[in-house]
C-alpha atoms as a PDB file:
ATOM      1  CA  MET A   1     279.282 118.329 166.966  1.00  0.00           C
ATOM      2  CA  ASN A   2     281.830 120.497 165.507  1.00  0.00           C
ATOM      3  CA  TYR A   3     281.246 123.929 164.177  1.00  0.00           C
ATOM      4  CA  THR A   4     283.608 126.834 163.010  1.00  0.00           C
ATOM      5  CA  TYR A   5     282.868 130.420 162.019  1.00  0.00           C
ATOM      6  CA  ASP A   6     284.491 133.077 160.032  1.00  0.00           C
ATOM      7  CA  SER A   7     285.159 136.758 161.256  1.00  0.00           C
ATOM      8  CA  LEU A   8     281.703 137.693 160.080  1.00  0.00           C
ATOM      9  CA  GLU A   9     280.191 134.985 162.288  1.00  0.00           C
ATOM     10  CA  ASN A  10     279.103 132.901 159.308  1.00  0.00           C
ATOM     11  CA  MET A  11     279.344 129.236 159.935  1.00  0.00           C
ATOM     12  CA  THR A  12     281.982 127.793 157.660  1.00  0.00           C
ATOM     13  CA  SER A  13     282.058 124.146 158.668  1.00  0.00           C
ATOM     14  CA  ARG A  14     279.534 121.713 160.349  1.00  0.00           C
ATOM     15  CA  ASN A  15     280.493 118.226 161.274  1.00  0.00           C
ATOM     16  CA  GLY A  16     282.690 117.857 158.210  1.00  0.00           C
ATOM     17  CA  ASP A  17     280.611 119.882 155.797  1.00  0.00           C
ATOM     18  CA  HIS A  18     282.160 122.973 154.310  1.00  0.00           C
ATOM     19  CA  ILE A  19     280.067 126.115 153.698  1.00  0.00           C
ATOM     20  CA  VAL A  20     280.869 128.934 151.386  1.00  0.00           C
ATOM     21  CA  TYR A  21     279.050 132.374 151.222  1.00  0.00           C
ATOM     22  CA  ASN A  22     278.517 134.897 148.487  1.00  0.00           C
ATOM     23  CA  GLU A  23     279.294 138.580 148.612  1.00  0.00           C
ATOM     24  CA  LEU A  24     275.846 139.209 150.219  1.00  0.00           C
ATOM     25  CA  GLY A  25     276.462 136.765 152.970  1.00  0.00           C
ATOM     26  CA  LYS A  26     274.154 134.195 151.660  1.00  0.00           C
ATOM     27  CA  ILE A  27     275.108 130.499 151.357  1.00  0.00           C
ATOM     28  CA  ALA A  28     276.500 129.829 147.889  1.00  0.00           C
ATOM     29  CA  SER A  29     277.427 126.199 148.325  1.00  0.00           C
ATOM     30  CA  ILE A  30     277.770 123.414 150.806  1.00  0.00           C
ATOM     31  CA  ASP A  31     280.288 120.483 150.270  1.00  0.00           C
ATOM     32  CA  THR A  32     279.223 117.609 152.304  1.00  0.00           C
ATOM     33  CA  GLU A  33     281.764 115.069 153.723  1.00  0.00           C
ATOM     34  CA  ASN A  34     279.867 112.482 151.747  1.00  0.00           C
ATOM     35  CA  GLY A  35     280.910 114.091 148.482  1.00  0.00           C
ATOM     36  CA  ASP A  36     277.659 115.851 147.842  1.00  0.00           C
ATOM     37  CA  ARG A  37     277.629 119.495 146.692  1.00  0.00           C
ATOM     38  CA  PHE A  38     274.610 121.861 147.182  1.00  0.00           C
ATOM     39  CA  GLU A  39     274.683 125.141 145.219  1.00  0.00           C
ATOM     40  CA  TYR A  40     272.238 127.994 145.807  1.00  0.00           C
ATOM     41  CA  ASP A  41     271.161 130.754 143.450  1.00  0.00           C
ATOM     42  CA  TYR A  42     269.448 134.048 144.527  1.00  0.00           C
ATOM     43  CA  GLU A  43     267.419 136.684 142.753  1.00  0.00           C
ATOM     44  CA  TYR A  44     268.491 140.442 142.814  1.00  0.00           C
ATOM     45  CA  SER A  45     266.806 141.129 146.149  1.00  0.00           C
ATOM     46  CA  GLY A  46     268.487 138.206 147.851  1.00  0.00           C
ATOM     47  CA  ASN A  47     265.688 135.595 147.862  1.00  0.00           C
ATOM     48  CA  ARG A  48     266.835 132.139 147.166  1.00  0.00           C
ATOM     49  CA  ILE A  49     265.329 130.923 143.906  1.00  0.00           C
ATOM     50  CA  LYS A  50     267.229 127.722 143.301  1.00  0.00           C
ATOM     51  CA  LYS A  51     268.977 124.860 145.173  1.00  0.00           C
ATOM     52  CA  SER A  52     270.885 122.283 143.202  1.00  0.00           C
ATOM     53  CA  LEU A  53     272.325 118.878 144.392  1.00  0.00           C
ATOM     54  CA  LYS A  54     275.466 117.781 142.427  1.00  0.00           C
ATOM     55  CA  ASN A  55     276.835 114.352 143.289  1.00  0.00           C
ATOM     56  CA  SER A  56     278.518 111.764 141.202  1.00  0.00           C
ATOM     57  CA  GLY A  57     278.237 113.956 138.197  1.00  0.00           C
ATOM     58  CA  ILE A  58     274.438 114.044 138.446  1.00  0.00           C
ATOM     59  CA  ILE A  59     272.716 117.400 138.697  1.00  0.00           C
ATOM     60  CA  THR A  60     269.153 117.657 140.050  1.00  0.00           C
END
């Protein structure tokens, strides 16, 4: 297993997956080594309200 972290101790990669954080330190997106992209949306107080999977041009 291979993990890397940024200076704020957020995990930025995990076994080939790339993780991006928003300004609140919440996960904004994950790009997998298989080509899938997960995107996350949050409400004003920081609770996650939506998770989207985008792969091969298909949005779910």
